[in-house]
Amino acid sequence: MADIIIVQAHALSMDDARAAAQRVADQMQVDYEMTWQWQGDVLAFKRTGFSGTLALADGEATLTLSLGIMLRGFAKKIEEQVTKNMATVFGVAQA
């Protein structure tokens, strides 16, 4: 069961949404030693302490994160930061 679910609207083409997600995955691989793989339009990723998916659809990206026991206490802070990051990645202005 996911600890965090974030749905982000976007106005990108599927190709542009996939490219944006790929840039994030590449950076997270470098920064956090995360592994990832595409399964159709779903980017599955994992590392010690968390795993999840980023499912792309026309006009929407849905992120699910499952946190390890050590990160669950930080779920609210993680969700806030990831929500901001997704808005930036998918080109949605923050109010």
N, C-alpha and C. Protein backbone atom coordinates (compact mmCIF):
# COMPACT_ATOMS: atom_id res chain seq x y z
N MET A 1 0.84 -1.18 0.00
CA MET A 1 0.00 0.00 0.00
C MET A 1 0.88 1.24 0.00
N ALA A 2 0.52 2.21 -0.81
CA ALA A 2 1.30 3.44 -0.93
C ALA A 2 1.10 4.33 0.29
N ASP A 3 2.18 4.95 0.73
CA ASP A 3 2.11 5.90 1.82
C ASP A 3 1.77 7.30 1.31
N ILE A 4 2.16 7.59 0.06
CA ILE A 4 1.93 8.89 -0.54
C ILE A 4 1.43 8.68 -1.96
N ILE A 5 0.37 9.39 -2.32
CA ILE A 5 -0.15 9.40 -3.69
C ILE A 5 -0.35 10.86 -4.08
N ILE A 6 0.26 11.24 -5.19
CA ILE A 6 0.14 12.62 -5.68
C ILE A 6 -0.29 12.55 -7.14
N VAL A 7 -1.34 13.27 -7.46
CA VAL A 7 -1.81 13.36 -8.84
C VAL A 7 -1.56 14.79 -9.30
N GLN A 8 -0.80 14.93 -10.37
CA GLN A 8 -0.41 16.24 -10.90
C GLN A 8 -0.94 16.40 -12.32
N ALA A 9 -1.76 17.41 -12.53
CA ALA A 9 -2.22 17.71 -13.89
C ALA A 9 -1.06 18.33 -14.67
N HIS A 10 -1.07 18.13 -15.98
CA HIS A 10 -0.07 18.78 -16.83
C HIS A 10 -0.65 18.99 -18.22
N ALA A 11 0.02 19.85 -18.98
CA ALA A 11 -0.42 20.15 -20.34
C ALA A 11 0.61 19.68 -21.36
N LEU A 12 1.47 18.75 -20.96
CA LEU A 12 2.53 18.25 -21.83
C LEU A 12 2.02 17.14 -22.74
N SER A 13 2.69 16.99 -23.88
CA SER A 13 2.42 15.81 -24.70
C SER A 13 2.96 14.60 -23.94
N MET A 14 2.55 13.43 -24.33
CA MET A 14 3.07 12.23 -23.66
C MET A 14 4.59 12.13 -23.83
N ASP A 15 5.10 12.48 -25.01
CA ASP A 15 6.55 12.44 -25.22
C ASP A 15 7.27 13.41 -24.29
N ASP A 16 6.73 14.63 -24.15
CA ASP A 16 7.36 15.62 -23.27
C ASP A 16 7.24 15.21 -21.80
N ALA A 17 6.11 14.64 -21.41
CA ALA A 17 5.93 14.17 -20.03
C ALA A 17 6.92 13.05 -19.72
N ARG A 18 7.08 12.15 -20.67
CA ARG A 18 8.03 11.05 -20.48
C ARG A 18 9.46 11.58 -20.39
N ALA A 19 9.80 12.56 -21.23
CA ALA A 19 11.14 13.15 -21.18
C ALA A 19 11.38 13.85 -19.85
N ALA A 20 10.37 14.55 -19.33
CA ALA A 20 10.50 15.21 -18.03
C ALA A 20 10.72 14.18 -16.92
N ALA A 21 9.93 13.11 -16.95
CA ALA A 21 10.08 12.05 -15.94
C ALA A 21 11.45 11.39 -16.05
N GLN A 22 11.93 11.21 -17.27
CA GLN A 22 13.23 10.58 -17.47
C GLN A 22 14.36 11.45 -16.90
N ARG A 23 14.26 12.77 -17.09
CA ARG A 23 15.28 13.67 -16.53
C ARG A 23 15.33 13.55 -15.00
N VAL A 24 14.16 13.49 -14.38
CA VAL A 24 14.11 13.34 -12.92
C VAL A 24 14.70 12.00 -12.50
N ALA A 25 14.33 10.93 -13.20
CA ALA A 25 14.85 9.60 -12.86
C ALA A 25 16.37 9.56 -12.99
N ASP A 26 16.90 10.15 -14.06
CA ASP A 26 18.35 10.17 -14.25
C ASP A 26 19.04 10.90 -13.10
N GLN A 27 18.48 12.04 -12.70
CA GLN A 27 19.09 12.81 -11.61
C GLN A 27 18.98 12.07 -10.28
N MET A 28 17.83 11.44 -10.03
CA MET A 28 17.66 10.69 -8.78
C MET A 28 18.58 9.48 -8.73
N GLN A 29 18.87 8.89 -9.88
CA GLN A 29 19.81 7.77 -9.92
C GLN A 29 21.18 8.25 -9.45
N VAL A 30 21.59 9.42 -9.91
CA VAL A 30 22.89 9.98 -9.51
C VAL A 30 22.87 10.39 -8.04
N ASP A 31 21.83 11.12 -7.62
CA ASP A 31 21.78 11.68 -6.27
C ASP A 31 21.52 10.64 -5.19
N TYR A 32 20.66 9.65 -5.49
CA TYR A 32 20.20 8.73 -4.45
C TYR A 32 20.46 7.26 -4.75
N GLU A 33 21.22 6.97 -5.80
CA GLU A 33 21.50 5.58 -6.17
C GLU A 33 20.23 4.77 -6.35
N MET A 34 19.24 5.41 -6.92
CA MET A 34 17.95 4.79 -7.17
C MET A 34 18.01 4.02 -8.48
N THR A 35 17.34 2.90 -8.55
CA THR A 35 17.20 2.18 -9.81
C THR A 35 15.80 2.42 -10.35
N TRP A 36 15.66 2.34 -11.66
CA TRP A 36 14.37 2.58 -12.28
C TRP A 36 14.25 1.77 -13.57
N GLN A 37 13.02 1.61 -14.02
CA GLN A 37 12.77 1.01 -15.32
C GLN A 37 11.37 1.40 -15.78
N TRP A 38 11.25 1.59 -17.08
CA TRP A 38 9.95 1.89 -17.68
C TRP A 38 9.19 0.60 -17.92
N GLN A 39 7.90 0.63 -17.62
CA GLN A 39 6.98 -0.45 -17.93
C GLN A 39 5.81 0.20 -18.66
N GLY A 40 5.95 0.35 -19.97
CA GLY A 40 4.95 1.11 -20.74
C GLY A 40 5.08 2.59 -20.38
N ASP A 41 3.98 3.18 -19.94
CA ASP A 41 3.99 4.59 -19.53
C ASP A 41 4.14 4.75 -18.02
N VAL A 42 4.66 3.72 -17.36
CA VAL A 42 4.87 3.76 -15.92
C VAL A 42 6.36 3.62 -15.63
N LEU A 43 6.87 4.58 -14.87
CA LEU A 43 8.26 4.54 -14.42
C LEU A 43 8.27 3.96 -13.01
N ALA A 44 8.83 2.77 -12.87
CA ALA A 44 8.94 2.12 -11.56
C ALA A 44 10.35 2.39 -11.03
N PHE A 45 10.45 2.75 -9.75
CA PHE A 45 11.74 3.07 -9.17
C PHE A 45 11.83 2.54 -7.75
N LYS A 46 13.09 2.33 -7.30
CA LYS A 46 13.27 1.85 -5.93
C LYS A 46 14.70 2.10 -5.48
N ARG A 47 14.84 2.09 -4.21
CA ARG A 47 16.13 2.11 -3.53
C ARG A 47 15.84 1.73 -2.08
N THR A 48 16.85 1.52 -1.32
CA THR A 48 16.65 1.19 0.08
C THR A 48 15.88 2.33 0.74
N GLY A 49 14.77 2.03 1.37
CA GLY A 49 13.99 3.03 2.09
C GLY A 49 12.73 3.50 1.39
N PHE A 50 12.64 3.33 0.08
CA PHE A 50 11.42 3.70 -0.62
C PHE A 50 11.34 3.05 -1.99
N SER A 51 10.13 2.99 -2.50
CA SER A 51 9.89 2.53 -3.87
C SER A 51 8.61 3.19 -4.35
N GLY A 52 8.41 3.16 -5.65
CA GLY A 52 7.19 3.76 -6.15
C GLY A 52 7.08 3.69 -7.65
N THR A 53 6.05 4.36 -8.14
CA THR A 53 5.81 4.44 -9.57
C THR A 53 5.37 5.85 -9.93
N LEU A 54 5.65 6.21 -11.15
CA LEU A 54 5.13 7.45 -11.73
C LEU A 54 4.42 7.04 -13.01
N ALA A 55 3.09 7.09 -12.98
CA ALA A 55 2.27 6.68 -14.12
C ALA A 55 1.88 7.92 -14.91
N LEU A 56 2.19 7.91 -16.20
CA LEU A 56 1.89 9.03 -17.07
C LEU A 56 0.65 8.74 -17.89
N ALA A 57 -0.20 9.75 -18.00
CA ALA A 57 -1.39 9.66 -18.84
C ALA A 57 -1.58 11.03 -19.50
N ASP A 58 -2.44 11.11 -20.48
CA ASP A 58 -2.72 12.40 -21.10
C ASP A 58 -3.23 13.37 -20.04
N GLY A 59 -2.48 14.44 -19.83
CA GLY A 59 -2.91 15.48 -18.91
C GLY A 59 -2.72 15.20 -17.44
N GLU A 60 -2.08 14.08 -17.09
CA GLU A 60 -1.98 13.72 -15.67
C GLU A 60 -0.79 12.81 -15.40
N ALA A 61 -0.14 13.04 -14.27
CA ALA A 61 0.92 12.16 -13.79
C ALA A 61 0.57 11.76 -12.36
N THR A 62 0.62 10.47 -12.08
CA THR A 62 0.28 9.98 -10.75
C THR A 62 1.49 9.30 -10.14
N LEU A 63 1.93 9.84 -9.01
CA LEU A 63 3.08 9.31 -8.29
C LEU A 63 2.59 8.56 -7.06
N THR A 64 3.07 7.34 -6.88
CA THR A 64 2.81 6.59 -5.65
C THR A 64 4.15 6.26 -5.01
N LEU A 65 4.23 6.48 -3.72
CA LEU A 65 5.46 6.19 -2.97
C LEU A 65 5.14 5.29 -1.79
N SER A 66 5.94 4.28 -1.62
CA SER A 66 5.88 3.44 -0.43
C SER A 66 7.17 3.69 0.33
N LEU A 67 7.02 4.13 1.56
CA LEU A 67 8.17 4.49 2.37
C LEU A 67 8.54 3.38 3.33
N GLY A 68 9.83 3.21 3.52
CA GLY A 68 10.31 2.27 4.53
C GLY A 68 10.04 2.82 5.92
N ILE A 69 10.19 1.99 6.89
CA ILE A 69 9.85 2.36 8.26
C ILE A 69 10.62 3.59 8.75
N MET A 70 11.86 3.76 8.31
CA MET A 70 12.67 4.89 8.76
C MET A 70 12.19 6.22 8.16
N LEU A 71 11.50 6.19 7.03
CA LEU A 71 11.04 7.41 6.38
C LEU A 71 9.58 7.76 6.67
N ARG A 72 8.84 6.85 7.20
CA ARG A 72 7.40 7.09 7.42
C ARG A 72 7.13 8.28 8.31
N GLY A 73 7.99 8.54 9.27
CA GLY A 73 7.82 9.70 10.15
C GLY A 73 7.99 11.02 9.41
N PHE A 74 8.58 10.98 8.24
CA PHE A 74 8.81 12.19 7.44
C PHE A 74 7.84 12.28 6.25
N ALA A 75 6.79 11.45 6.25
CA ALA A 75 5.89 11.35 5.10
C ALA A 75 5.29 12.70 4.73
N LYS A 76 4.83 13.48 5.69
CA LYS A 76 4.21 14.76 5.39
C LYS A 76 5.20 15.71 4.72
N LYS A 77 6.40 15.80 5.24
CA LYS A 77 7.42 16.67 4.66
C LYS A 77 7.82 16.19 3.26
N ILE A 78 7.97 14.88 3.10
CA ILE A 78 8.31 14.31 1.80
C ILE A 78 7.20 14.63 0.80
N GLU A 79 5.95 14.45 1.21
CA GLU A 79 4.83 14.72 0.31
C GLU A 79 4.81 16.20 -0.11
N GLU A 80 5.04 17.10 0.81
CA GLU A 80 5.06 18.53 0.48
C GLU A 80 6.15 18.84 -0.54
N GLN A 81 7.34 18.32 -0.33
CA GLN A 81 8.45 18.60 -1.24
C GLN A 81 8.24 17.96 -2.60
N VAL A 82 7.76 16.73 -2.63
CA VAL A 82 7.54 16.04 -3.90
C VAL A 82 6.41 16.72 -4.69
N THR A 83 5.39 17.21 -4.00
CA THR A 83 4.31 17.94 -4.68
C THR A 83 4.86 19.18 -5.38
N LYS A 84 5.71 19.92 -4.69
CA LYS A 84 6.35 21.10 -5.30
C LYS A 84 7.21 20.70 -6.49
N ASN A 85 7.98 19.65 -6.33
CA ASN A 85 8.86 19.19 -7.41
C ASN A 85 8.07 18.74 -8.63
N MET A 86 6.97 18.04 -8.41
CA MET A 86 6.17 17.58 -9.54
C MET A 86 5.57 18.76 -10.29
N ALA A 87 5.13 19.78 -9.57
CA ALA A 87 4.59 20.98 -10.22
C ALA A 87 5.66 21.63 -11.09
N THR A 88 6.89 21.66 -10.61
CA THR A 88 7.99 22.23 -11.38
C THR A 88 8.31 21.37 -12.60
N VAL A 89 8.43 20.09 -12.41
CA VAL A 89 8.79 19.17 -13.49
C VAL A 89 7.75 19.18 -14.60
N PHE A 90 6.49 19.22 -14.22
CA PHE A 90 5.42 19.14 -15.22
C PHE A 90 4.89 20.51 -15.61
N GLY A 91 5.62 21.58 -15.24
CA GLY A 91 5.34 22.91 -15.75
C GLY A 91 4.08 23.57 -15.24
N VAL A 92 3.71 23.29 -13.98
CA VAL A 92 2.53 23.89 -13.40
C VAL A 92 2.97 24.95 -12.39
N ALA A 93 2.49 26.17 -12.55
CA ALA A 93 2.89 27.27 -11.66
C ALA A 93 2.31 27.05 -10.27
N GLN A 94 3.11 27.34 -9.26
CA GLN A 94 2.66 27.28 -7.88
C GLN A 94 2.07 28.62 -7.47
N ALA A 95 0.98 28.60 -6.72
CA ALA A 95 0.35 29.84 -6.27
C ALA A 95 1.12 30.43 -5.10
